Amino acid sequence: MTSPVQEPSTSREFVKQSSLYQEFLAEREEILKHKWLESERLGYDIGFERALLDWIRKHREGWRAARRHHHAAPGSASPFATAPVDRKGQ
């Protein structure tokens, strides 16, 4: 019998340290906070799916904008940063 193929630990570590994965974890944490707050407010567990949809509709855009602004500080590497546009020739 063969053993299941194991992904190299370096690949797993690369994924865990990637900016995309870090953004996913940060967003998930915000959704879980929203789930907890809304569940407390309503007096029952609203569930992850309802919290996810509600958070996306109400908070995601502002949260992402705030993260972009925070990560755009000079000297910080951001997965959302864009190169400045040279408009001198216009």
C-alpha atoms as a PDB file:
ATOM      1  CA  MET A   1       0.000   0.000   0.000  1.00  0.00           C
ATOM      2  CA  THR A   2       1.300   3.476  -0.802  1.00  0.00           C
ATOM      3  CA  SER A   3       1.210   6.359   1.615  1.00  0.00           C
ATOM      4  CA  PRO A   4      -0.588   9.592   0.679  1.00  0.00           C
ATOM      5  CA  VAL A   5       1.549  12.133  -1.094  1.00  0.00           C
ATOM      6  CA  GLN A   6       2.760  14.718   1.378  1.00  0.00           C
ATOM      7  CA  GLU A   7       3.249  18.287   0.295  1.00  0.00           C
ATOM      8  CA  PRO A   8       6.763  19.517   1.092  1.00  0.00           C
ATOM      9  CA  SER A   9       6.829  21.616   4.257  1.00  0.00           C
ATOM     10  CA  THR A  10       8.556  24.412   2.360  1.00  0.00           C
ATOM     11  CA  SER A  11       5.530  24.676   0.042  1.00  0.00           C
ATOM     12  CA  ARG A  12       3.154  24.840   2.991  1.00  0.00           C
ATOM     13  CA  GLU A  13       5.270  27.501   4.656  1.00  0.00           C
ATOM     14  CA  PHE A  14       5.408  29.507   1.435  1.00  0.00           C
ATOM     15  CA  VAL A  15       1.609  29.478   1.222  1.00  0.00           C
ATOM     16  CA  LYS A  16       1.211  30.412   4.892  1.00  0.00           C
ATOM     17  CA  GLN A  17       3.562  33.362   4.447  1.00  0.00           C
ATOM     18  CA  SER A  18       2.073  34.577   1.163  1.00  0.00           C
ATOM     19  CA  SER A  19       0.349  37.956   1.188  1.00  0.00           C
ATOM     20  CA  LEU A  20      -2.774  36.439  -0.352  1.00  0.00           C
ATOM     21  CA  TYR A  21      -3.095  33.910   2.465  1.00  0.00           C
ATOM     22  CA  GLN A  22      -2.422  36.593   5.070  1.00  0.00           C
ATOM     23  CA  GLU A  23      -5.205  38.734   3.573  1.00  0.00           C
ATOM     24  CA  PHE A  24      -7.548  35.738   3.629  1.00  0.00           C
ATOM     25  CA  LEU A  25      -6.796  35.134   7.318  1.00  0.00           C
ATOM     26  CA  ALA A  26      -7.282  38.805   8.210  1.00  0.00           C
ATOM     27  CA  GLU A  27     -10.603  38.952   6.351  1.00  0.00           C
ATOM     28  CA  ARG A  28     -11.764  35.698   7.957  1.00  0.00           C
ATOM     29  CA  GLU A  29     -10.929  37.114  11.388  1.00  0.00           C
ATOM     30  CA  GLU A  30     -13.055  40.198  10.672  1.00  0.00           C
ATOM     31  CA  ILE A  31     -15.965  38.009   9.552  1.00  0.00           C
ATOM     32  CA  LEU A  32     -15.721  35.953  12.738  1.00  0.00           C
ATOM     33  CA  LYS A  33     -15.721  39.159  14.832  1.00  0.00           C
ATOM     34  CA  HIS A  34     -18.783  40.360  12.922  1.00  0.00           C
ATOM     35  CA  LYS A  35     -20.468  36.988  13.504  1.00  0.00           C
ATOM     36  CA  TRP A  36     -19.826  37.217  17.223  1.00  0.00           C
ATOM     37  CA  LEU A  37     -21.032  40.832  17.513  1.00  0.00           C
ATOM     38  CA  GLU A  38     -24.187  40.254  15.480  1.00  0.00           C
ATOM     39  CA  SER A  39     -24.953  37.028  17.326  1.00  0.00           C
ATOM     40  CA  GLU A  40     -24.591  38.814  20.662  1.00  0.00           C
ATOM     41  CA  ARG A  41     -26.769  41.689  19.461  1.00  0.00           C
ATOM     42  CA  LEU A  42     -29.530  39.379  18.205  1.00  0.00           C
ATOM     43  CA  GLY A  43     -29.290  36.877  21.042  1.00  0.00           C
ATOM     44  CA  TYR A  44     -28.608  33.796  18.899  1.00  0.00           C
ATOM     45  CA  ASP A  45     -25.858  32.377  16.701  1.00  0.00           C
ATOM     46  CA  ILE A  46     -26.376  33.763  13.200  1.00  0.00           C
ATOM     47  CA  GLY A  47     -23.970  31.266  11.634  1.00  0.00           C
ATOM     48  CA  PHE A  48     -20.909  31.836   9.506  1.00  0.00           C
ATOM     49  CA  GLU A  49     -22.663  32.053   6.133  1.00  0.00           C
ATOM     50  CA  ARG A  50     -25.074  34.779   7.240  1.00  0.00           C
ATOM     51  CA  ALA A  51     -22.237  36.672   8.941  1.00  0.00           C
ATOM     52  CA  LEU A  52     -20.097  36.355   5.808  1.00  0.00           C
ATOM     53  CA  LEU A  53     -22.782  37.692   3.486  1.00  0.00           C
ATOM     54  CA  ASP A  54     -23.744  40.498   5.886  1.00  0.00           C
ATOM     55  CA  TRP A  55     -20.109  41.529   6.411  1.00  0.00           C
ATOM     56  CA  ILE A  56     -19.397  41.521   2.677  1.00  0.00           C
ATOM     57  CA  ARG A  57     -22.453  43.664   2.012  1.00  0.00           C
ATOM     58  CA  LYS A  58     -21.874  46.128   4.862  1.00  0.00           C
ATOM     59  CA  HIS A  59     -18.160  46.230   5.668  1.00  0.00           C
ATOM     60  CA  ARG A  60     -15.842  44.590   3.137  1.00  0.00           C
ATOM     61  CA  GLU A  61     -15.276  47.581   0.864  1.00  0.00           C
ATOM     62  CA  GLY A  62     -14.442  49.925   3.746  1.00  0.00           C
ATOM     63  CA  TRP A  63     -12.265  47.333   5.453  1.00  0.00           C
ATOM     64  CA  ARG A  64     -10.258  46.726   2.292  1.00  0.00           C
ATOM     65  CA  ALA A  65      -9.882  50.468   1.650  1.00  0.00           C
ATOM     66  CA  ALA A  66      -8.611  50.971   5.202  1.00  0.00           C
ATOM     67  CA  ARG A  67      -6.101  48.125   4.774  1.00  0.00           C
ATOM     68  CA  ARG A  68      -4.896  49.532   1.462  1.00  0.00           C
ATOM     69  CA  HIS A  69      -4.439  52.939   3.076  1.00  0.00           C
ATOM     70  CA  HIS A  70      -2.652  51.445   6.084  1.00  0.00           C
ATOM     71  CA  HIS A  71      -0.332  49.287   3.948  1.00  0.00           C
ATOM     72  CA  ALA A  72       0.407  52.102   1.511  1.00  0.00           C
ATOM     73  CA  ALA A  73       2.546  53.902   4.090  1.00  0.00           C
ATOM     74  CA  PRO A  74       6.048  54.722   2.798  1.00  0.00           C
ATOM     75  CA  GLY A  75       8.418  51.810   3.040  1.00  0.00           C
ATOM     76  CA  SER A  76       5.775  49.141   3.566  1.00  0.00           C
ATOM     77  CA  ALA A  77       5.223  46.305   1.136  1.00  0.00           C
ATOM     78  CA  SER A  78       1.580  45.901   0.253  1.00  0.00           C
ATOM     79  CA  PRO A  79      -0.154  43.323  -1.890  1.00  0.00           C
ATOM     80  CA  PHE A  80      -2.447  46.164  -2.983  1.00  0.00           C
ATOM     81  CA  ALA A  81       0.169  48.799  -3.700  1.00  0.00           C
ATOM     82  CA  THR A  82       0.430  50.067  -7.239  1.00  0.00           C
ATOM     83  CA  ALA A  83       3.304  51.819  -8.892  1.00  0.00           C
ATOM     84  CA  PRO A  84       2.947  55.604  -9.062  1.00  0.00           C
ATOM     85  CA  VAL A  85       1.891  56.948 -12.418  1.00  0.00           C
ATOM     86  CA  ASP A  86       4.221  59.468 -14.068  1.00  0.00           C
ATOM     87  CA  ARG A  87       1.960  62.207 -15.432  1.00  0.00           C
ATOM     88  CA  LYS A  88       4.665  64.738 -16.354  1.00  0.00           C
ATOM     89  CA  GLY A  89       4.276  64.080 -20.063  1.00  0.00           C
ATOM     90  CA  GLN A  90       0.551  64.862 -20.150  1.00  0.00           C
END
